[in-house]
N, C-alpha and C. Protein backbone atom coordinates (compact mmCIF):
# COMPACT_ATOMS: atom_id res chain seq x y z
N MET A 1 -13.61 0.61 -33.23
CA MET A 1 -13.97 0.80 -32.03
C MET A 1 -15.37 0.43 -31.66
N CYS A 2 -15.42 -0.48 -30.43
CA CYS A 2 -16.77 -0.83 -30.12
C CYS A 2 -17.23 0.09 -29.54
N TYR A 3 -18.72 0.00 -29.51
CA TYR A 3 -19.58 0.66 -28.33
C TYR A 3 -18.87 1.18 -27.04
N PHE A 4 -18.68 0.30 -26.23
CA PHE A 4 -18.23 0.34 -25.07
C PHE A 4 -17.08 1.11 -24.94
N SER A 5 -16.33 0.95 -25.87
CA SER A 5 -15.01 1.73 -25.77
C SER A 5 -15.45 3.18 -26.43
N SER A 6 -16.08 3.39 -27.07
CA SER A 6 -16.56 4.62 -27.69
C SER A 6 -17.05 5.10 -26.34
N ILE A 7 -18.06 4.91 -25.65
CA ILE A 7 -18.90 5.71 -24.53
C ILE A 7 -17.73 5.84 -23.87
N SER A 8 -17.00 5.06 -23.30
CA SER A 8 -15.78 5.12 -22.14
C SER A 8 -14.95 6.32 -22.91
N LEU A 9 -14.45 6.55 -23.82
CA LEU A 9 -13.67 7.37 -24.36
C LEU A 9 -14.28 8.93 -24.06
N ASP A 10 -15.61 8.82 -24.62
CA ASP A 10 -16.51 10.49 -24.61
C ASP A 10 -16.59 10.60 -22.96
N ILE A 11 -16.83 9.80 -22.01
CA ILE A 11 -16.83 9.95 -20.67
C ILE A 11 -15.72 10.42 -19.95
N ALA A 12 -14.39 9.70 -20.35
CA ALA A 12 -12.96 10.15 -20.04
C ALA A 12 -13.14 11.43 -20.50
N SER A 13 -12.98 11.67 -21.88
CA SER A 13 -12.70 13.11 -22.19
C SER A 13 -13.42 14.29 -21.75
N SER A 14 -14.88 13.79 -21.26
CA SER A 14 -15.55 14.98 -21.11
C SER A 14 -15.41 15.39 -19.24
N ARG A 15 -14.72 14.38 -18.73
CA ARG A 15 -14.38 14.77 -17.21
C ARG A 15 -12.93 15.15 -16.90
N ILE A 16 -11.92 15.66 -18.40
CA ILE A 16 -10.78 16.24 -18.27
C ILE A 16 -10.88 17.30 -17.26
N GLY A 17 -9.85 16.93 -16.43
CA GLY A 17 -9.90 18.20 -15.67
C GLY A 17 -10.20 18.40 -14.16
N GLN A 18 -11.78 17.23 -14.09
CA GLN A 18 -12.04 17.46 -12.85
C GLN A 18 -11.55 16.16 -12.22
N PRO A 19 -12.37 16.08 -11.15
CA PRO A 19 -11.56 15.20 -9.67
C PRO A 19 -12.47 13.82 -10.48
N PRO A 20 -11.76 12.81 -10.34
CA PRO A 20 -12.33 11.46 -10.16
C PRO A 20 -13.60 11.05 -9.60
N PHE A 21 -14.45 10.45 -10.02
CA PHE A 21 -15.88 10.03 -9.22
C PHE A 21 -15.56 9.25 -8.04
N THR A 22 -15.82 9.71 -6.78
CA THR A 22 -15.38 9.26 -5.88
C THR A 22 -16.72 9.16 -4.73
N HIS A 23 -16.81 7.87 -4.20
CA HIS A 23 -18.26 7.68 -3.36
C HIS A 23 -17.43 7.11 -1.85
N ASN A 24 -17.84 7.73 -1.09
CA ASN A 24 -17.05 7.25 0.32
C ASN A 24 -18.40 6.37 1.11
N ASN A 25 -18.30 5.16 1.44
CA ASN A 25 -19.18 4.14 1.98
C ASN A 25 -18.93 4.21 3.43
N LEU A 26 -18.19 5.54 4.05
CA LEU A 26 -18.44 5.66 5.60
C LEU A 26 -19.27 6.97 5.87
N SER A 27 -20.08 6.67 6.97
CA SER A 27 -20.99 8.23 7.38
C SER A 27 -20.12 9.12 7.98
N LEU A 28 -20.49 10.61 7.56
CA LEU A 28 -19.53 11.64 8.35
C LEU A 28 -19.06 10.92 9.60
N ILE A 29 -20.06 10.49 10.57
CA ILE A 29 -19.47 10.66 12.04
C ILE A 29 -18.09 9.30 11.96
N HIS A 30 -18.55 8.31 11.21
CA HIS A 30 -17.61 7.51 10.69
C HIS A 30 -16.05 8.16 9.79
N GLN A 31 -16.19 8.83 9.28
CA GLN A 31 -14.87 9.45 8.35
C GLN A 31 -14.01 10.37 9.46
N GLU A 32 -14.91 10.97 10.38
CA GLU A 32 -14.19 12.32 11.18
C GLU A 32 -13.56 11.20 12.45
N ALA A 33 -14.43 10.18 12.67
CA ALA A 33 -13.44 9.02 13.72
C ALA A 33 -12.51 8.48 13.10
N LEU A 34 -12.50 8.26 11.88
CA LEU A 34 -11.14 7.70 11.23
C LEU A 34 -9.85 9.04 11.10
N VAL A 35 -10.57 9.89 10.85
CA VAL A 35 -9.57 11.12 10.60
C VAL A 35 -8.82 11.64 12.41
N ASP A 36 -9.70 11.45 13.40
CA ASP A 36 -8.91 11.25 14.88
C ASP A 36 -8.47 9.98 14.98
N LEU A 37 -8.59 8.85 14.41
CA LEU A 37 -7.63 7.49 15.03
C LEU A 37 -6.25 8.08 13.91
N LYS A 38 -6.51 8.40 12.70
CA LYS A 38 -5.23 8.93 12.05
C LYS A 38 -4.07 9.89 12.89
N LYS A 39 -4.84 10.73 13.87
CA LYS A 39 -4.21 11.38 14.23
C LYS A 39 -3.23 10.75 15.48
N ASN A 40 -3.97 9.68 15.98
CA ASN A 40 -3.28 9.19 17.26
C ASN A 40 -2.10 8.16 16.68
N GLU A 41 -0.82 8.98 17.58
CA GLU A 41 0.64 8.17 17.32
C GLU A 41 0.51 7.21 17.79
N ASN A 42 -0.34 6.80 18.63
CA ASN A 42 -0.01 5.44 19.56
C ASN A 42 -0.43 4.05 19.36
N ILE A 43 -1.18 4.43 18.01
CA ILE A 43 -1.77 3.05 17.24
C ILE A 43 -1.12 2.92 15.77
N VAL A 44 -1.55 2.15 15.21
CA VAL A 44 -1.37 1.46 13.41
C VAL A 44 -2.53 1.16 13.33
N ILE A 45 -2.66 1.69 12.03
CA ILE A 45 -3.97 1.42 11.14
C ILE A 45 -3.47 0.59 10.12
N LYS A 46 -4.04 -0.45 9.76
CA LYS A 46 -3.24 -1.15 8.73
C LYS A 46 -4.45 -2.26 8.03
N PRO A 47 -4.63 -2.16 6.60
CA PRO A 47 -5.42 -3.15 5.96
C PRO A 47 -5.28 -4.67 6.90
N ALA A 48 -6.46 -5.25 7.06
CA ALA A 48 -6.19 -6.87 7.33
C ALA A 48 -5.82 -7.63 6.27
N ASP A 49 -4.98 -9.05 6.36
CA ASP A 49 -4.65 -9.96 5.72
C ASP A 49 -5.84 -10.25 4.58
N LYS A 50 -7.15 -10.39 5.30
CA LYS A 50 -8.31 -10.78 4.50
C LYS A 50 -9.73 -10.13 5.14
N GLY A 51 -10.52 -10.28 3.96
CA GLY A 51 -11.88 -9.36 4.32
C GLY A 51 -12.00 -8.39 4.02
N GLY A 52 -10.80 -7.42 3.45
CA GLY A 52 -10.83 -6.09 3.32
C GLY A 52 -11.21 -5.19 4.41
N SER A 53 -10.91 -5.49 5.52
CA SER A 53 -11.09 -4.68 6.91
C SER A 53 -10.00 -4.04 7.18
N ILE A 54 -10.00 -3.05 8.34
CA ILE A 54 -8.85 -2.22 8.71
C ILE A 54 -8.76 -3.11 9.97
N VAL A 55 -7.14 -3.20 10.78
CA VAL A 55 -7.31 -3.61 11.94
C VAL A 55 -6.38 -2.39 12.55
N ILE A 56 -6.64 -2.12 13.80
CA ILE A 56 -5.88 -0.98 14.58
C ILE A 56 -5.06 -1.76 15.94
N LEU A 57 -4.16 -1.63 15.30
CA LEU A 57 -3.25 -2.01 16.58
C LEU A 57 -2.50 -1.13 17.76
N ASN A 58 -1.79 -1.74 18.86
CA ASN A 58 -1.22 -0.62 19.72
C ASN A 58 0.01 -0.58 18.88
N LYS A 59 0.70 0.80 18.69
CA LYS A 59 2.25 0.80 18.28
C LYS A 59 2.86 0.15 18.79
N ASP A 60 3.52 -0.09 20.03
CA ASP A 60 4.25 -0.72 20.49
C ASP A 60 4.14 -2.14 20.28
N ASP A 61 2.94 -2.73 20.21
CA ASP A 61 2.86 -4.22 20.47
C ASP A 61 2.97 -4.50 19.01
N TYR A 62 2.69 -3.49 17.85
CA TYR A 62 3.11 -3.68 16.45
C TYR A 62 4.47 -3.70 16.04
N ILE A 63 5.19 -3.08 16.77
CA ILE A 63 6.69 -2.84 16.35
C ILE A 63 7.44 -4.15 17.49
N CYS A 64 6.84 -4.30 18.32
CA CYS A 64 7.48 -5.70 18.87
C CYS A 64 7.16 -6.94 18.18
N LYS A 65 5.94 -7.06 17.57
CA LYS A 65 5.68 -8.53 16.67
C LYS A 65 6.62 -8.34 15.63
N ALA A 66 6.91 -7.41 14.93
CA ALA A 66 7.80 -7.34 13.47
C ALA A 66 9.16 -7.55 13.82
N LEU A 67 9.73 -7.22 14.84
CA LEU A 67 11.07 -7.13 15.41
C LEU A 67 10.97 -8.81 15.73
N GLU A 68 9.94 -9.23 16.41
CA GLU A 68 10.20 -10.68 16.83
C GLU A 68 10.28 -11.63 15.54
N GLN A 69 9.08 -11.25 14.54
CA GLN A 69 9.61 -11.81 13.25
C GLN A 69 10.71 -11.71 12.78
N LEU A 70 11.27 -10.48 12.66
CA LEU A 70 12.73 -10.32 11.97
C LEU A 70 13.91 -10.90 12.37
N ASN A 71 13.70 -11.12 13.76
CA ASN A 71 14.80 -11.85 14.66
C ASN A 71 14.46 -13.52 14.56
N ASN A 72 13.63 -13.90 13.99
CA ASN A 72 13.34 -15.33 13.68
C ASN A 72 14.29 -15.64 12.58
N LYS A 73 15.67 -16.27 13.09
CA LYS A 73 16.51 -16.98 12.36
C LYS A 73 16.39 -18.03 11.23
N THR A 74 15.02 -18.59 11.89
CA THR A 74 14.88 -19.56 10.69
C THR A 74 14.49 -18.90 9.08
N TYR A 75 14.00 -17.51 9.14
CA TYR A 75 13.06 -17.26 7.83
C TYR A 75 14.39 -16.03 7.52
N TYR A 76 14.84 -15.56 8.33
CA TYR A 76 15.31 -14.27 8.02
C TYR A 76 16.94 -14.42 8.44
N THR A 77 17.97 -13.81 7.45
CA THR A 77 19.53 -13.56 7.69
C THR A 77 19.73 -11.94 7.96
N GLU A 78 20.47 -11.62 8.94
CA GLU A 78 20.97 -10.24 9.04
C GLU A 78 21.93 -10.21 7.97
N LEU A 79 21.72 -8.84 7.16
CA LEU A 79 23.00 -8.74 5.91
C LEU A 79 24.10 -7.66 7.03
N LEU A 80 25.40 -8.22 6.67
CA LEU A 80 26.27 -7.22 7.10
C LEU A 80 26.92 -6.01 6.43
N HIS A 81 26.32 -5.93 5.19
CA HIS A 81 26.17 -4.96 4.24
C HIS A 81 25.10 -4.48 3.42
N ASN A 82 24.57 -3.35 2.89
CA ASN A 82 23.39 -3.08 2.32
C ASN A 82 24.22 -3.52 0.69
N SER A 83 23.32 -4.80 0.35
CA SER A 83 23.88 -5.11 -0.83
C SER A 83 22.33 -4.59 -2.26
N THR A 84 21.77 -3.44 -1.72
CA THR A 84 21.08 -3.18 -2.67
C THR A 84 21.16 -2.73 -4.08
N GLN A 85 22.20 -1.82 -4.13
CA GLN A 85 22.79 -1.42 -5.42
C GLN A 85 23.72 -2.85 -6.21
N GLY A 86 23.91 -3.71 -5.86
CA GLY A 86 24.74 -4.84 -6.34
C GLY A 86 23.39 -5.76 -7.05
N ILE A 87 22.54 -5.74 -6.29
CA ILE A 87 21.52 -6.63 -6.82
C ILE A 87 20.57 -5.98 -8.03
N ASN A 88 20.48 -4.01 -7.82
CA ASN A 88 19.80 -3.52 -8.88
C ASN A 88 20.87 -3.69 -9.78
N THR A 89 22.27 -3.57 -9.95
CA THR A 89 23.04 -3.62 -10.88
C THR A 89 22.66 -5.49 -11.70
N SER A 90 22.72 -6.14 -11.22
CA SER A 90 22.77 -7.18 -11.67
C SER A 90 21.34 -7.55 -12.38
N ILE A 91 20.28 -6.85 -11.96
CA ILE A 91 19.14 -6.89 -12.42
C ILE A 91 18.93 -6.03 -13.87
N THR A 92 19.14 -5.13 -13.72
CA THR A 92 19.43 -4.30 -14.82
C THR A 92 20.25 -4.91 -15.84
N SER A 93 21.50 -5.18 -15.48
CA SER A 93 22.34 -6.13 -16.62
C SER A 93 21.67 -7.14 -17.56
N TYR A 94 20.55 -7.84 -16.69
CA TYR A 94 20.30 -9.02 -17.11
C TYR A 94 19.03 -8.60 -17.87
N LEU A 95 18.32 -7.33 -17.57
CA LEU A 95 17.32 -6.79 -18.40
C LEU A 95 17.74 -6.60 -19.65
N GLU A 96 18.87 -5.81 -19.75
CA GLU A 96 19.24 -5.41 -20.86
C GLU A 96 19.80 -6.59 -21.70
N TYR A 97 20.33 -7.91 -21.35
CA TYR A 97 20.76 -8.98 -21.98
C TYR A 97 19.69 -9.46 -22.53
N ILE A 98 18.19 -9.62 -21.74
CA ILE A 98 17.47 -10.32 -22.80
C ILE A 98 16.58 -9.01 -23.75
N ARG A 99 16.77 -8.11 -23.69
CA ARG A 99 16.30 -6.95 -24.45
C ARG A 99 16.59 -7.45 -25.86
């Protein structure tokens, strides 16, 4: 066992039963503001597509935009029935076959 692995194992075993190391990079005021924002049912908080930021959106606008995208027949087709079980069975059978 290499030195790094040995040290990592020692540290991990010494912390059994203890909470994981955490460090919040937000100030207490910002943490409280985030808790308040999470309670607001009129907004949606999502991670941004790029940059590791968060985005706060009006909930009605968010739902309207999502439905607009889902109703775009160029990219989406409405299914007449739920085919999830059949797809799951096919994938499981294939995985069993290649095993």
